[in-house]
N, C-alpha and C. Protein backbone atom coordinates (compact mmCIF):
# COMPACT_ATOMS: atom_id res chain seq x y z
N MET A 1 -18.30 -45.74 -46.78
CA MET A 1 -17.30 -45.82 -45.16
C MET A 1 -17.53 -47.24 -45.06
N ARG A 2 -16.01 -47.52 -43.93
CA ARG A 2 -16.09 -48.59 -43.36
C ARG A 2 -16.93 -48.87 -42.03
N ASP A 3 -16.96 -49.58 -41.64
CA ASP A 3 -17.69 -50.37 -40.41
C ASP A 3 -16.93 -50.29 -39.32
N HIS A 4 -16.98 -49.72 -38.60
CA HIS A 4 -15.84 -49.48 -37.40
C HIS A 4 -15.43 -50.67 -36.48
N GLN A 5 -17.20 -51.73 -36.48
CA GLN A 5 -17.35 -52.50 -35.49
C GLN A 5 -17.13 -53.68 -36.07
N GLU A 6 -15.97 -54.41 -37.24
CA GLU A 6 -16.10 -55.50 -37.38
C GLU A 6 -15.55 -56.45 -36.44
N THR A 7 -15.16 -56.07 -35.24
CA THR A 7 -14.74 -57.56 -34.06
C THR A 7 -15.50 -57.25 -33.81
N PRO A 8 -15.89 -58.71 -32.71
CA PRO A 8 -16.25 -58.66 -30.73
C PRO A 8 -16.01 -57.20 -30.29
N PRO A 9 -17.32 -57.02 -29.36
CA PRO A 9 -15.99 -55.68 -28.70
C PRO A 9 -14.79 -56.03 -27.83
N PRO A 10 -14.11 -55.62 -27.09
CA PRO A 10 -13.07 -56.53 -26.44
C PRO A 10 -13.52 -55.78 -24.95
N GLY A 11 -13.12 -57.00 -24.25
CA GLY A 11 -13.28 -56.99 -22.98
C GLY A 11 -13.96 -58.37 -22.78
N ARG A 12 -14.20 -58.74 -23.73
CA ARG A 12 -15.11 -60.26 -23.66
C ARG A 12 -14.61 -61.31 -22.95
N THR A 13 -15.61 -62.27 -21.54
CA THR A 13 -15.01 -62.78 -20.90
C THR A 13 -14.46 -64.33 -21.52
N GLU A 14 -15.09 -64.61 -22.76
CA GLU A 14 -14.75 -66.12 -23.07
C GLU A 14 -13.94 -66.10 -23.74
N PRO A 15 -12.82 -66.85 -24.48
CA PRO A 15 -11.65 -66.86 -25.19
C PRO A 15 -12.44 -67.03 -26.48
N PRO A 16 -11.73 -66.60 -27.23
CA PRO A 16 -12.13 -67.27 -28.83
C PRO A 16 -12.09 -68.31 -29.17
N PRO A 17 -12.84 -69.00 -30.32
CA PRO A 17 -12.55 -70.14 -30.64
C PRO A 17 -11.61 -70.73 -31.72
N SER A 18 -10.98 -72.13 -30.73
CA SER A 18 -9.73 -72.97 -31.21
C SER A 18 -9.80 -72.46 -32.72
N ALA A 19 -8.44 -72.31 -33.05
CA ALA A 19 -7.58 -72.30 -34.80
C ALA A 19 -7.96 -73.64 -34.82
N GLY A 20 -7.74 -74.57 -34.27
CA GLY A 20 -7.38 -75.73 -35.28
C GLY A 20 -5.95 -76.01 -35.76
N GLY A 21 -4.89 -74.97 -35.16
CA GLY A 21 -3.74 -75.36 -35.28
C GLY A 21 -3.53 -74.67 -36.64
N MET A 22 -4.23 -73.44 -36.29
CA MET A 22 -3.39 -71.85 -37.60
C MET A 22 -2.42 -71.48 -36.86
N PRO A 23 -1.38 -71.19 -37.94
CA PRO A 23 -0.47 -70.01 -37.81
C PRO A 23 -0.74 -69.33 -37.19
N GLY A 24 -0.13 -69.23 -35.68
CA GLY A 24 -0.71 -67.99 -34.73
C GLY A 24 -1.06 -68.33 -33.58
N GLN A 25 -1.99 -69.62 -33.69
CA GLN A 25 -1.76 -70.07 -32.29
C GLN A 25 -1.60 -70.78 -31.83
N GLN A 26 -0.66 -70.16 -30.20
CA GLN A 26 -0.12 -70.41 -29.80
C GLN A 26 -0.69 -70.07 -27.90
N THR A 27 -1.12 -71.28 -27.62
CA THR A 27 -1.71 -70.41 -26.46
C THR A 27 -0.86 -70.32 -25.32
N GLY A 28 0.62 -70.65 -25.81
CA GLY A 28 1.54 -71.05 -24.28
C GLY A 28 1.45 -69.15 -24.03
N HIS A 29 1.11 -68.36 -25.16
CA HIS A 29 1.18 -67.19 -25.00
C HIS A 29 0.27 -66.30 -24.07
N ARG A 30 -0.63 -67.16 -23.20
CA ARG A 30 -1.67 -66.76 -22.60
C ARG A 30 -0.94 -65.91 -21.52
N VAL A 31 -1.31 -64.49 -21.51
CA VAL A 31 -0.66 -64.03 -20.84
C VAL A 31 -1.39 -63.18 -19.78
N ASN A 32 -3.12 -63.77 -19.74
CA ASN A 32 -3.97 -62.90 -18.42
C ASN A 32 -4.24 -64.22 -17.39
N PRO A 33 -3.60 -64.93 -16.97
CA PRO A 33 -3.67 -66.14 -16.19
C PRO A 33 -5.28 -65.84 -15.24
N SER A 34 -5.45 -64.44 -15.12
CA SER A 34 -7.21 -63.93 -14.27
C SER A 34 -7.99 -64.39 -14.80
N GLY A 35 -8.20 -65.07 -16.58
CA GLY A 35 -9.40 -65.57 -16.91
C GLY A 35 -9.60 -64.24 -17.78
N ARG A 36 -8.82 -63.40 -17.63
CA ARG A 36 -9.42 -61.73 -18.27
C ARG A 36 -9.51 -61.61 -19.87
N THR A 37 -9.61 -61.26 -20.47
CA THR A 37 -9.26 -60.88 -21.72
C THR A 37 -8.35 -59.74 -22.06
N LEU A 38 -7.43 -59.60 -22.64
CA LEU A 38 -6.54 -59.15 -22.58
C LEU A 38 -6.83 -58.34 -24.28
N THR A 39 -7.40 -56.80 -23.79
CA THR A 39 -7.92 -56.29 -25.12
C THR A 39 -6.65 -55.80 -25.97
N ILE A 40 -6.85 -55.80 -27.17
CA ILE A 40 -5.95 -54.89 -27.88
C ILE A 40 -6.19 -54.44 -29.12
N LEU A 41 -6.15 -53.51 -29.14
CA LEU A 41 -6.67 -51.67 -30.62
C LEU A 41 -5.39 -52.32 -31.55
N VAL A 42 -5.94 -52.43 -32.64
CA VAL A 42 -5.31 -52.75 -33.97
C VAL A 42 -6.22 -51.44 -34.44
N VAL A 43 -4.87 -50.36 -35.39
CA VAL A 43 -4.99 -49.36 -36.22
C VAL A 43 -4.50 -49.57 -37.31
N GLU A 44 -4.97 -50.01 -38.44
CA GLU A 44 -4.44 -50.58 -39.79
C GLU A 44 -5.67 -50.11 -40.77
N ASP A 45 -4.98 -49.13 -41.90
CA ASP A 45 -5.77 -48.96 -43.19
C ASP A 45 -6.20 -49.82 -44.11
N ASP A 46 -5.22 -50.36 -44.41
CA ASP A 46 -5.19 -51.97 -44.90
C ASP A 46 -6.48 -52.92 -44.87
N ASP A 47 -7.76 -53.14 -45.77
CA ASP A 47 -8.47 -54.21 -45.26
C ASP A 47 -7.81 -55.76 -45.14
N ALA A 48 -7.17 -56.16 -45.50
CA ALA A 48 -6.23 -57.23 -46.15
C ALA A 48 -5.58 -57.85 -44.31
N VAL A 49 -4.69 -56.40 -43.99
CA VAL A 49 -3.51 -57.08 -43.15
C VAL A 49 -4.50 -56.54 -41.93
N ALA A 50 -5.52 -56.15 -42.05
CA ALA A 50 -5.86 -55.58 -40.82
C ALA A 50 -7.13 -56.54 -40.57
N GLU A 51 -7.34 -57.49 -41.47
CA GLU A 51 -8.20 -58.77 -41.29
C GLU A 51 -7.28 -59.84 -40.77
N LEU A 52 -6.22 -59.95 -41.13
CA LEU A 52 -5.13 -60.74 -40.80
C LEU A 52 -4.98 -60.48 -39.91
N LEU A 53 -4.41 -59.60 -38.91
CA LEU A 53 -4.58 -59.24 -37.87
C LEU A 53 -5.21 -59.53 -36.53
N ARG A 54 -6.65 -58.91 -36.80
CA ARG A 54 -7.82 -59.55 -36.10
C ARG A 54 -7.47 -60.72 -36.34
N THR A 55 -8.14 -61.49 -37.08
CA THR A 55 -7.81 -63.39 -37.21
C THR A 55 -6.54 -63.81 -36.30
N VAL A 56 -5.56 -63.32 -36.61
CA VAL A 56 -4.64 -64.21 -35.77
C VAL A 56 -4.49 -63.74 -34.43
N LEU A 57 -4.53 -62.54 -34.19
CA LEU A 57 -4.74 -62.18 -32.61
C LEU A 57 -5.82 -62.83 -31.57
N ASN A 58 -7.01 -62.68 -32.64
CA ASN A 58 -7.81 -63.62 -31.93
C ASN A 58 -7.98 -65.09 -31.97
N ARG A 59 -6.99 -65.48 -32.44
CA ARG A 59 -7.01 -66.73 -31.90
C ARG A 59 -5.77 -67.35 -31.25
N VAL A 60 -5.70 -66.32 -29.95
CA VAL A 60 -4.46 -66.33 -29.17
C VAL A 60 -5.46 -66.67 -27.90
N ARG A 61 -5.82 -67.63 -27.58
CA ARG A 61 -6.30 -67.83 -26.41
C ARG A 61 -5.78 -66.79 -25.51
N GLY A 62 -7.34 -66.09 -24.46
CA GLY A 62 -6.88 -65.33 -23.66
C GLY A 62 -6.86 -63.75 -24.54
N TRP A 63 -6.96 -63.61 -25.51
CA TRP A 63 -6.89 -62.15 -26.53
C TRP A 63 -8.42 -61.79 -27.42
N GLY A 64 -7.70 -60.18 -27.00
CA GLY A 64 -9.42 -60.24 -27.93
C GLY A 64 -9.30 -58.83 -28.54
N ALA A 65 -9.00 -59.00 -29.79
CA ALA A 65 -8.34 -57.71 -30.59
C ALA A 65 -9.76 -56.90 -31.46
N THR A 66 -9.79 -55.80 -31.56
CA THR A 66 -10.83 -55.40 -32.20
C THR A 66 -10.25 -53.71 -33.07
N VAL A 67 -10.71 -54.10 -34.34
CA VAL A 67 -9.96 -53.30 -35.75
C VAL A 67 -10.47 -52.30 -35.79
N VAL A 68 -10.10 -50.48 -35.84
CA VAL A 68 -9.92 -49.65 -36.81
C VAL A 68 -9.19 -49.31 -37.54
N HIS A 69 -10.20 -48.51 -38.38
CA HIS A 69 -8.97 -47.84 -39.63
C HIS A 69 -8.35 -46.72 -40.02
N ASP A 70 -9.11 -45.88 -38.86
CA ASP A 70 -8.17 -44.53 -38.71
C ASP A 70 -8.37 -44.53 -37.07
N ALA A 71 -7.56 -42.65 -37.15
CA ALA A 71 -7.40 -42.08 -36.11
C ALA A 71 -8.28 -41.92 -35.33
N ALA A 72 -9.14 -41.22 -36.13
CA ALA A 72 -10.70 -40.93 -35.35
C ALA A 72 -11.37 -42.12 -34.50
N ALA A 73 -11.38 -43.43 -35.12
CA ALA A 73 -11.86 -44.18 -34.53
C ALA A 73 -11.24 -45.27 -33.22
N ALA A 74 -9.82 -44.73 -33.89
CA ALA A 74 -8.89 -45.08 -32.87
C ALA A 74 -9.67 -44.66 -31.21
N ALA A 75 -9.20 -42.47 -31.70
CA ALA A 75 -9.61 -42.05 -30.68
C ALA A 75 -10.56 -42.70 -29.89
N GLU A 76 -12.09 -42.76 -30.42
CA GLU A 76 -13.60 -42.92 -29.68
C GLU A 76 -13.38 -44.18 -28.97
N VAL A 77 -12.34 -45.48 -29.33
CA VAL A 77 -12.41 -46.74 -28.50
C VAL A 77 -11.71 -46.30 -27.37
N PHE A 78 -10.70 -45.57 -27.08
CA PHE A 78 -9.91 -44.90 -25.99
C PHE A 78 -11.06 -44.46 -25.57
N GLN A 79 -12.10 -44.02 -25.25
CA GLN A 79 -13.33 -43.07 -24.55
C GLN A 79 -13.89 -43.97 -23.99
N HIS A 80 -13.93 -45.54 -24.46
CA HIS A 80 -14.95 -46.38 -23.71
C HIS A 80 -14.58 -47.82 -23.71
N VAL A 81 -12.93 -47.91 -23.88
CA VAL A 81 -12.26 -48.96 -23.99
C VAL A 81 -11.01 -48.77 -22.85
N GLU A 82 -10.28 -50.09 -22.17
CA GLU A 82 -9.19 -49.62 -21.41
C GLU A 82 -8.73 -50.42 -22.56
N VAL A 83 -7.89 -50.17 -23.38
CA VAL A 83 -6.80 -50.93 -24.28
C VAL A 83 -5.05 -50.88 -23.25
N GLU A 84 -5.70 -52.19 -23.67
CA GLU A 84 -3.89 -52.53 -22.95
C GLU A 84 -2.53 -52.65 -23.58
N VAL A 85 -3.18 -52.99 -25.37
CA VAL A 85 -1.51 -53.38 -26.35
C VAL A 85 -2.70 -52.66 -27.12
N LEU A 86 -1.39 -51.83 -28.25
CA LEU A 86 -1.89 -50.65 -28.92
C LEU A 86 -0.95 -51.54 -30.18
N VAL A 87 -2.13 -51.61 -31.37
CA VAL A 87 -0.96 -51.81 -32.57
C VAL A 87 -1.13 -50.78 -33.40
N VAL A 88 -0.21 -50.46 -34.09
CA VAL A 88 -0.51 -49.16 -34.99
C VAL A 88 0.29 -49.19 -36.10
N ASP A 89 -0.21 -49.00 -37.37
CA ASP A 89 0.20 -49.03 -38.35
C ASP A 89 0.84 -47.42 -38.51
N VAL A 90 1.74 -47.37 -39.18
CA VAL A 90 3.18 -46.34 -39.41
C VAL A 90 2.37 -45.07 -39.69
N ASN A 91 1.96 -45.84 -41.25
CA ASN A 91 1.46 -44.71 -42.69
C ASN A 91 -0.24 -45.18 -42.49
N LEU A 92 -1.23 -44.15 -41.69
CA LEU A 92 -2.34 -44.29 -41.76
C LEU A 92 -3.18 -42.90 -42.39
N PRO A 93 -3.73 -43.25 -43.08
CA PRO A 93 -4.80 -42.03 -43.98
C PRO A 93 -4.86 -40.54 -43.26
N GLY A 94 -4.25 -39.25 -43.25
CA GLY A 94 -4.06 -37.94 -43.06
C GLY A 94 -3.71 -38.00 -41.38
N ILE A 95 -3.27 -39.15 -41.19
CA ILE A 95 -2.66 -38.68 -40.23
C ILE A 95 -1.54 -39.66 -39.58
N SER A 96 0.03 -40.06 -39.44
CA SER A 96 0.72 -41.14 -39.13
C SER A 96 0.42 -41.79 -37.88
N GLY A 97 0.88 -42.73 -37.43
CA GLY A 97 0.96 -43.87 -36.20
C GLY A 97 1.11 -42.65 -35.30
N PRO A 98 2.78 -42.19 -35.38
CA PRO A 98 3.29 -41.53 -34.15
C PRO A 98 2.88 -40.41 -34.12
N GLU A 99 1.86 -39.33 -34.98
CA GLU A 99 1.04 -38.70 -34.55
C GLU A 99 -0.21 -38.76 -33.90
N LEU A 100 -1.10 -40.18 -34.37
CA LEU A 100 -1.94 -40.79 -33.38
C LEU A 100 -1.22 -40.77 -32.00
N LEU A 101 -0.27 -41.12 -31.94
CA LEU A 101 0.19 -41.81 -30.55
C LEU A 101 0.05 -40.37 -29.62
N GLU A 102 0.83 -39.49 -30.59
CA GLU A 102 0.66 -37.92 -29.71
C GLU A 102 -0.01 -37.56 -29.29
N HIS A 103 -1.37 -37.88 -30.20
CA HIS A 103 -2.46 -37.52 -29.95
C HIS A 103 -3.16 -38.12 -28.81
N LEU A 104 -3.28 -39.67 -29.03
CA LEU A 104 -3.55 -40.29 -27.67
C LEU A 104 -3.13 -39.66 -26.10
N ARG A 105 -1.72 -39.90 -26.40
CA ARG A 105 -1.17 -39.27 -24.61
C ARG A 105 -1.71 -38.37 -24.61
N ARG A 106 -2.10 -36.91 -25.15
CA ARG A 106 -2.63 -35.88 -24.92
C ARG A 106 -4.23 -36.23 -23.78
N ASP A 107 -4.72 -37.33 -24.34
CA ASP A 107 -6.69 -37.83 -23.57
C ASP A 107 -6.29 -38.25 -22.67
N PRO A 108 -7.09 -38.00 -22.05
CA PRO A 108 -7.22 -38.39 -20.36
C PRO A 108 -7.58 -39.99 -20.28
N HIS A 109 -7.66 -40.27 -21.21
CA HIS A 109 -8.31 -42.01 -21.18
C HIS A 109 -7.24 -42.84 -21.40
N TRP A 110 -6.23 -42.06 -22.06
CA TRP A 110 -4.97 -42.69 -22.12
C TRP A 110 -4.34 -43.08 -20.72
N ARG A 111 -3.93 -44.62 -20.89
CA ARG A 111 -3.30 -45.34 -20.17
C ARG A 111 -1.68 -45.77 -20.06
N GLU A 112 -1.11 -45.18 -20.96
CA GLU A 112 -0.04 -46.00 -21.51
C GLU A 112 0.23 -47.13 -21.57
N PRO A 113 -0.73 -47.98 -22.54
CA PRO A 113 -0.26 -49.17 -22.83
C PRO A 113 0.93 -49.11 -23.83
N PRO A 114 1.61 -50.86 -23.60
CA PRO A 114 2.41 -51.25 -24.76
C PRO A 114 2.12 -50.76 -26.35
N VAL A 115 3.15 -50.36 -26.80
CA VAL A 115 2.56 -50.41 -28.79
C VAL A 115 3.31 -50.87 -29.13
N LEU A 116 3.16 -51.64 -30.32
CA LEU A 116 3.26 -51.97 -31.34
C LEU A 116 3.17 -51.54 -32.65
N LEU A 117 4.29 -50.84 -33.47
CA LEU A 117 4.11 -49.73 -34.18
C LEU A 117 4.60 -50.46 -35.17
N MET A 118 4.14 -50.48 -36.52
CA MET A 118 4.06 -51.53 -37.87
C MET A 118 4.01 -50.81 -39.35
N SER A 119 5.46 -50.95 -40.30
CA SER A 119 5.41 -50.33 -41.14
C SER A 119 5.84 -51.20 -42.16
N GLY A 120 5.65 -50.75 -43.46
CA GLY A 120 6.59 -51.98 -44.78
C GLY A 120 7.70 -50.74 -45.27
N ARG A 121 7.64 -49.93 -44.24
CA ARG A 121 8.71 -48.83 -45.08
C ARG A 121 9.52 -48.62 -43.40
N PRO A 122 10.32 -49.63 -42.79
CA PRO A 122 11.30 -50.00 -42.04
C PRO A 122 12.62 -48.75 -41.50
N ASP A 123 11.99 -48.03 -42.52
CA ASP A 123 13.67 -47.42 -42.73
C ASP A 123 13.24 -46.07 -42.91
N GLN A 124 11.83 -45.87 -42.75
CA GLN A 124 11.37 -43.95 -43.28
C GLN A 124 11.83 -43.18 -41.52
N PRO A 125 12.10 -41.84 -41.82
CA PRO A 125 11.96 -41.25 -40.91
C PRO A 125 11.22 -41.39 -39.32
N LEU A 126 10.07 -41.36 -39.76
CA LEU A 126 8.96 -41.21 -39.05
C LEU A 126 9.23 -42.69 -37.77
N VAL A 127 9.53 -43.51 -38.22
CA VAL A 127 9.65 -45.18 -37.61
C VAL A 127 11.17 -44.67 -36.61
N GLU A 128 12.16 -43.81 -37.33
CA GLU A 128 13.41 -43.76 -36.10
C GLU A 128 12.68 -42.98 -35.13
N GLN A 129 12.51 -41.60 -35.73
CA GLN A 129 11.55 -40.40 -35.10
C GLN A 129 10.70 -41.33 -33.70
N ALA A 130 10.21 -42.20 -33.91
CA ALA A 130 9.16 -43.10 -33.08
C ALA A 130 9.60 -43.77 -31.78
N LEU A 131 10.57 -44.44 -32.47
CA LEU A 131 11.33 -45.30 -31.60
C LEU A 131 12.50 -44.02 -30.81
N GLU A 132 12.96 -43.48 -30.76
CA GLU A 132 13.84 -42.56 -30.13
C GLU A 132 13.41 -41.72 -29.35
N ARG A 133 12.08 -41.14 -29.84
CA ARG A 133 11.35 -40.48 -29.06
C ARG A 133 10.64 -41.03 -27.43
N ALA A 134 10.40 -42.63 -27.78
CA ALA A 134 9.78 -43.30 -26.89
C ALA A 134 10.60 -44.18 -26.07
N HIS A 135 12.13 -44.33 -26.02
CA HIS A 135 13.28 -44.02 -25.86
C HIS A 135 13.22 -43.31 -24.60
N GLN A 136 13.66 -42.30 -24.84
CA GLN A 136 13.76 -41.09 -24.42
C GLN A 136 12.56 -40.73 -22.94
N ARG A 137 11.26 -41.06 -23.60
CA ARG A 137 10.43 -41.00 -22.72
C ARG A 137 9.96 -42.25 -21.85
N HIS A 138 10.89 -42.81 -22.24
CA HIS A 138 10.60 -44.37 -21.29
C HIS A 138 9.28 -44.83 -21.69
N GLU A 139 9.15 -44.76 -22.68
CA GLU A 139 7.79 -45.30 -22.93
C GLU A 139 7.96 -46.86 -23.95
N PRO A 140 7.11 -47.13 -23.61
CA PRO A 140 7.52 -48.63 -24.05
C PRO A 140 6.81 -48.84 -25.43
N LEU A 141 7.19 -49.06 -26.51
CA LEU A 141 6.90 -48.91 -27.74
C LEU A 141 7.94 -49.91 -28.74
N ARG A 142 7.42 -50.88 -29.16
CA ARG A 142 8.43 -51.94 -30.10
C ARG A 142 8.07 -52.02 -31.62
N PHE A 143 8.46 -52.21 -32.66
CA PHE A 143 8.51 -52.34 -33.71
C PHE A 143 8.26 -53.46 -34.71
N LEU A 144 7.64 -53.95 -35.66
CA LEU A 144 7.62 -54.88 -36.26
C LEU A 144 7.10 -54.43 -37.77
N ALA A 145 8.81 -55.15 -38.63
CA ALA A 145 8.22 -54.34 -40.05
C ALA A 145 7.30 -55.61 -41.02
N LYS A 146 6.68 -54.80 -41.71
CA LYS A 146 6.18 -55.71 -42.74
C LYS A 146 6.56 -56.17 -44.11
N PRO A 147 6.49 -56.82 -44.83
CA PRO A 147 5.87 -57.96 -44.22
C PRO A 147 6.17 -59.21 -42.89
N PHE A 148 5.41 -59.07 -42.38
CA PHE A 148 5.81 -60.62 -40.75
C PHE A 148 5.01 -61.75 -40.94
N ASP A 149 6.00 -62.31 -39.90
CA ASP A 149 5.55 -63.57 -39.69
C ASP A 149 4.52 -63.83 -38.91
N VAL A 150 3.45 -64.31 -38.57
CA VAL A 150 2.00 -64.38 -38.03
C VAL A 150 3.05 -64.29 -36.23
N ASP A 151 3.62 -65.36 -36.30
CA ASP A 151 4.33 -65.87 -35.48
C ASP A 151 5.08 -64.53 -34.59
N GLN A 152 5.67 -64.07 -35.60
CA GLN A 152 6.70 -62.70 -35.04
C GLN A 152 5.74 -61.75 -34.03
N LEU A 153 5.12 -62.14 -35.34
CA LEU A 153 3.34 -60.97 -34.84
C LEU A 153 2.86 -60.84 -33.39
N VAL A 154 2.66 -62.74 -33.27
CA VAL A 154 2.13 -63.07 -31.62
C VAL A 154 3.43 -63.10 -30.85
N ASP A 155 4.66 -63.27 -31.03
CA ASP A 155 5.30 -63.24 -30.30
C ASP A 155 5.94 -61.66 -30.00
N GLU A 156 5.51 -60.64 -30.24
CA GLU A 156 5.45 -59.14 -30.47
C GLU A 156 4.80 -58.40 -29.62
N VAL A 157 3.06 -59.06 -29.70
CA VAL A 157 2.32 -58.55 -28.80
C VAL A 157 2.73 -59.25 -27.66
N ALA A 158 3.30 -60.10 -27.38
CA ALA A 158 2.94 -61.19 -26.08
C ALA A 158 4.19 -60.36 -25.59
N ALA A 159 5.31 -60.00 -25.93
CA ALA A 159 6.05 -58.93 -25.42
C ALA A 159 5.83 -57.94 -24.78
N ALA A 160 4.91 -57.32 -25.61
CA ALA A 160 4.30 -56.04 -25.23
C ALA A 160 3.56 -56.64 -23.71
N ALA A 161 2.83 -57.42 -23.65
CA ALA A 161 1.50 -57.35 -22.73
C ALA A 161 2.31 -57.86 -21.68
N ARG A 162 3.74 -58.53 -21.83
CA ARG A 162 4.42 -58.53 -20.64
C ARG A 162 5.38 -57.55 -20.26
N GLN A 163 5.38 -56.59 -20.96
CA GLN A 163 5.30 -54.95 -20.54
C GLN A 163 4.27 -54.55 -19.61
N LEU A 164 3.59 -54.65 -20.23
CA LEU A 164 1.87 -54.06 -19.13
C LEU A 164 2.38 -54.31 -18.01
N ARG A 165 2.61 -55.80 -18.24
CA ARG A 165 2.48 -56.65 -16.25
C ARG A 165 3.52 -55.68 -15.35
N ARG A 166 4.05 -56.09 -15.89
CA ARG A 166 5.73 -55.20 -15.76
C ARG A 166 5.37 -53.57 -15.09
N THR A 167 4.80 -52.85 -15.55
CA THR A 167 4.24 -51.43 -15.59
C THR A 167 2.80 -51.43 -14.76
N ALA A 168 2.12 -52.01 -14.69
CA ALA A 168 1.00 -52.52 -13.64
C ALA A 168 1.14 -52.71 -12.34
């Protein structure tokens, strides 16, 4: 059984430690000038990809990423934390990323955060359907194909965070 508390809880106020020039550390992407940490939830079942996402996102000043590995854990986080950006793998165990989004949208704790959907199979119908559904509903949904460059990941999350500020 996986431990779903792999990362510090979101909402901390101190910035993550400096990365010392590691790829993905782009302090110019600070999106919360108020000094508050941007709360990012990552739902990724692959341990190596999840750790990469957590590490890269937490190295950006002003961001705090929490990683969970399945839909049940993601739903639990939404009960207790105001998630500001959601990063979701398309192919999760037992439920797809788009199905998870539909489930979360019915939850009273859902606050319509911008979503970054990811997949190593960008041509699968689930991706196209999710993007089309989001377009029809005017929901903030972005897509990133795996494998990705870490700077591209940071850019996509920063763009999602800018969407959050525009809708706030």
